[in-house]
Amino acid sequence: MGKTETPKNLVVGHLNKAHGTKGEIFIWPLTDHPESMFAPGVDLYLSDANGDLPTDPPTLRIESSRAYRRGFLVRFEGVHDRSRMDGLLDRYVMRAMDQIEELAEGETFYHDLLGMEVVTIEGERVGEVIEVYELRPADLLEIRGPEKTFMIPYISEMIRSVSVADNRIVLDPPSGLLEV
């Protein structure tokens, strides 16, 4: 698989359903920073019906936004009635990577984890990250080794370091975890 390229756009939400009749849409956030992603004045790109970003994607500018339950109610400029909203539903919205704020110390984009080499604190190669699953109570890394695949919780008790520059994760697994 190898290291993945940095995408030009990042998926930040899913347009779930219309709310009322005046153009508000409920967005399910797919970001750790929804307050800045769904702020008035922010431009988002609309995916096609398959979830892919077209060559010349429609741009949606947020006119107003407010927190609502576990998401946000957003009104886009030029979308003020129910019929116009219906064409946007069940689509993903993306934001240009150059518009995403810098990550805090210790934060990593999930796409940066894909393709990373995973080694133990003793230097033994475990494999390569092929998928990240967002679950509760902890996210899981799927790591493909030379002979088997491992599901490792992405928690500080096991993950000792993550280096995007070195393309490496250092793991301190409990005794017997890699023998299962």
Protein backbone atom coordinates (compact mmCIF):
# COMPACT_ATOMS: atom_id res chain seq x y z
CA MET A 1 0.00 0.00 0.00
CA GLY A 2 2.63 2.56 1.01
CA LYS A 3 2.25 6.15 2.13
CA THR A 4 -0.86 7.96 0.97
CA GLU A 5 -0.68 11.38 -0.64
CA THR A 6 -2.05 14.38 1.20
CA PRO A 7 -5.51 15.02 -0.19
CA LYS A 8 -6.43 18.41 -1.61
CA ASN A 9 -9.76 18.34 0.23
CA LEU A 10 -10.93 16.82 3.49
CA VAL A 11 -14.41 15.42 4.17
CA VAL A 12 -15.79 17.44 7.10
CA GLY A 13 -19.48 16.56 7.23
CA HIS A 14 -22.52 14.80 5.82
CA LEU A 15 -25.70 16.65 4.83
CA ASN A 16 -28.29 14.48 6.57
CA LYS A 17 -31.70 16.09 6.43
CA ALA A 18 -33.66 19.25 5.90
CA HIS A 19 -34.77 21.09 9.03
CA GLY A 20 -37.87 23.21 8.67
CA THR A 21 -38.86 25.04 5.50
CA LYS A 22 -36.46 27.99 5.40
CA GLY A 23 -33.31 26.30 4.13
CA GLU A 24 -31.59 24.86 7.20
CA ILE A 25 -29.84 21.52 6.76
CA PHE A 26 -28.65 19.25 9.53
CA ILE A 27 -24.94 18.42 9.10
CA TRP A 28 -23.43 15.42 10.81
CA PRO A 29 -19.86 16.59 11.59
CA LEU A 30 -16.99 14.37 10.47
CA THR A 31 -14.30 16.53 12.04
CA ASP A 32 -12.85 17.19 15.46
CA HIS A 33 -13.23 20.96 14.90
CA PRO A 34 -16.84 21.50 13.79
CA GLU A 35 -17.13 25.03 15.21
CA SER A 36 -14.59 26.36 12.72
CA MET A 37 -15.61 24.10 9.82
CA PHE A 38 -19.25 25.18 9.92
CA ALA A 39 -18.82 28.87 10.75
CA PRO A 40 -20.53 31.59 8.68
CA GLY A 41 -18.46 32.57 5.64
CA VAL A 42 -16.78 29.16 5.26
CA ASP A 43 -16.76 27.65 1.76
CA LEU A 44 -17.42 23.91 1.43
CA TYR A 45 -17.39 21.71 -1.66
CA LEU A 46 -20.29 19.39 -2.40
CA SER A 47 -19.59 15.77 -3.33
CA ASP A 48 -21.48 14.01 -6.07
CA ALA A 49 -24.11 11.37 -5.28
CA ASN A 50 -21.36 8.69 -4.98
CA GLY A 51 -19.42 10.69 -2.38
CA ASP A 52 -16.66 11.67 -4.82
CA LEU A 53 -15.53 15.21 -5.47
CA PRO A 54 -16.27 16.23 -9.08
CA THR A 55 -13.61 17.98 -11.16
CA ASP A 56 -15.41 21.30 -10.75
CA PRO A 57 -17.33 20.83 -7.48
CA PRO A 58 -20.20 23.12 -6.49
CA THR A 59 -19.18 25.52 -3.73
CA LEU A 60 -21.50 26.15 -0.81
CA ARG A 61 -20.87 29.20 1.39
CA ILE A 62 -22.24 29.00 4.92
CA GLU A 63 -24.60 31.89 5.64
CA SER A 64 -25.53 30.88 9.19
CA SER A 65 -24.85 28.01 11.54
CA ARG A 66 -25.85 26.83 14.98
CA ALA A 67 -25.15 23.78 17.11
CA TYR A 68 -28.09 21.38 17.23
CA ARG A 69 -28.10 18.09 19.08
CA ARG A 70 -24.97 16.22 17.96
CA GLY A 71 -24.46 18.26 14.80
CA PHE A 72 -25.11 21.65 13.24
CA LEU A 73 -27.99 23.35 11.48
CA VAL A 74 -26.53 25.25 8.57
CA ARG A 75 -28.02 27.57 6.00
CA PHE A 76 -26.09 28.03 2.75
CA GLU A 77 -26.15 31.21 0.67
CA GLY A 78 -28.76 30.91 -2.08
CA VAL A 79 -30.50 27.91 -0.49
CA HIS A 80 -33.60 29.25 1.23
CA ASP A 81 -36.35 26.80 0.41
CA ARG A 82 -37.09 23.13 0.83
CA SER A 83 -36.91 22.22 -2.88
CA ARG A 84 -33.37 23.63 -3.21
CA MET A 85 -32.30 21.77 -0.04
CA ASP A 86 -33.50 18.40 -1.27
CA GLY A 87 -30.86 18.32 -4.02
CA LEU A 88 -28.11 18.63 -1.39
CA LEU A 89 -29.21 15.89 0.99
CA ASP A 90 -27.26 12.65 1.55
CA ARG A 91 -24.07 14.23 0.23
CA TYR A 92 -20.69 14.86 1.84
CA VAL A 93 -19.18 18.31 2.17
CA MET A 94 -15.44 18.87 1.93
CA ARG A 95 -13.07 21.70 2.71
CA ALA A 96 -9.84 22.56 0.94
CA MET A 97 -6.79 21.35 2.90
CA ASP A 98 -5.20 24.79 2.66
CA GLN A 99 -8.24 26.13 4.58
CA ILE A 100 -7.92 23.63 7.44
CA GLU A 101 -6.38 25.04 10.60
CA GLU A 102 -3.05 23.68 11.83
CA LEU A 103 -3.24 20.64 14.06
CA ALA A 104 -2.41 20.94 17.73
CA GLU A 105 0.70 19.29 19.15
CA GLY A 106 0.22 15.51 19.08
CA GLU A 107 -2.73 15.55 16.65
CA THR A 108 -2.57 13.63 13.38
CA PHE A 109 -4.91 13.40 10.41
CA TYR A 110 -6.17 9.85 9.91
CA HIS A 111 -5.08 9.93 6.26
CA ASP A 112 -1.50 10.48 7.51
CA LEU A 113 -1.68 7.22 9.48
CA LEU A 114 -2.52 5.16 6.39
CA GLY A 115 0.59 3.51 5.01
CA MET A 116 2.66 4.12 8.15
CA GLU A 117 5.08 1.44 9.22
CA VAL A 118 4.34 0.04 12.69
CA VAL A 119 7.17 -1.25 14.89
CA THR A 120 7.39 -2.31 18.52
CA ILE A 121 9.48 -0.39 21.06
CA GLU A 122 12.11 -3.13 20.55
CA GLY A 123 12.22 -2.29 16.82
CA GLU A 124 10.39 -5.41 15.59
CA ARG A 125 8.32 -4.69 12.46
CA VAL A 126 4.60 -5.36 13.01
CA GLY A 127 3.29 -4.19 9.62
CA GLU A 128 1.63 -1.25 7.91
CA VAL A 129 -1.54 0.67 8.77
CA ILE A 130 -4.17 -0.12 6.13
CA GLU A 131 -7.27 1.34 7.79
CA VAL A 132 -8.43 3.47 10.72
CA TYR A 133 -11.80 2.73 12.30
CA GLU A 134 -13.47 5.44 14.37
CA LEU A 135 -15.08 3.51 17.20
CA ARG A 136 -15.90 4.02 20.85
CA PRO A 137 -14.30 3.86 23.32
CA ALA A 138 -11.15 3.86 21.14
CA ASP A 139 -10.32 4.09 17.46
CA LEU A 140 -8.71 0.99 15.95
CA LEU A 141 -5.78 0.68 13.57
CA GLU A 142 -5.88 -2.21 11.14
CA ILE A 143 -2.28 -3.25 10.61
CA ARG A 144 -1.31 -5.72 7.90
CA GLY A 145 1.74 -7.73 8.85
CA PRO A 146 3.70 -10.19 6.73
CA GLU A 147 1.64 -13.16 7.98
CA LYS A 148 -1.49 -11.74 9.59
CA THR A 149 -3.56 -8.64 10.22
CA PHE A 150 -3.89 -7.00 13.64
CA MET A 151 -6.53 -4.70 15.11
CA ILE A 152 -4.75 -2.42 17.58
CA PRO A 153 -6.50 0.22 19.73
CA TYR A 154 -5.20 3.71 19.01
CA ILE A 155 -4.68 4.59 22.69
CA SER A 156 -1.79 6.21 24.55
CA GLU A 157 -1.21 3.06 26.62
CA MET A 158 -0.14 1.23 23.42
CA ILE A 159 0.92 3.90 20.96
CA ARG A 160 4.21 5.35 22.21
CA SER A 161 4.90 7.68 19.30
CA VAL A 162 3.60 8.71 15.90
CA SER A 163 5.95 10.43 13.45
CA VAL A 164 4.47 11.67 10.19
CA ALA A 165 7.96 12.81 9.09
CA ASP A 166 9.42 9.32 9.65
CA ASN A 167 6.22 7.56 8.51
CA ARG A 168 6.37 5.43 11.64
CA ILE A 169 4.29 4.41 14.64
CA VAL A 170 6.02 2.90 17.67
CA LEU A 171 3.83 0.43 19.53
CA ASP A 172 4.17 -1.00 23.05
CA PRO A 173 1.70 -3.91 22.97
CA PRO A 174 0.79 -5.89 26.07
CA SER A 175 2.41 -9.29 26.32
CA GLY A 176 0.82 -11.79 23.93
CA LEU A 177 -1.23 -9.32 21.86
CA LEU A 178 0.77 -9.88 18.66
CA GLU A 179 0.70 -13.68 19.11
CA VAL A 180 -3.12 -13.88 19.01
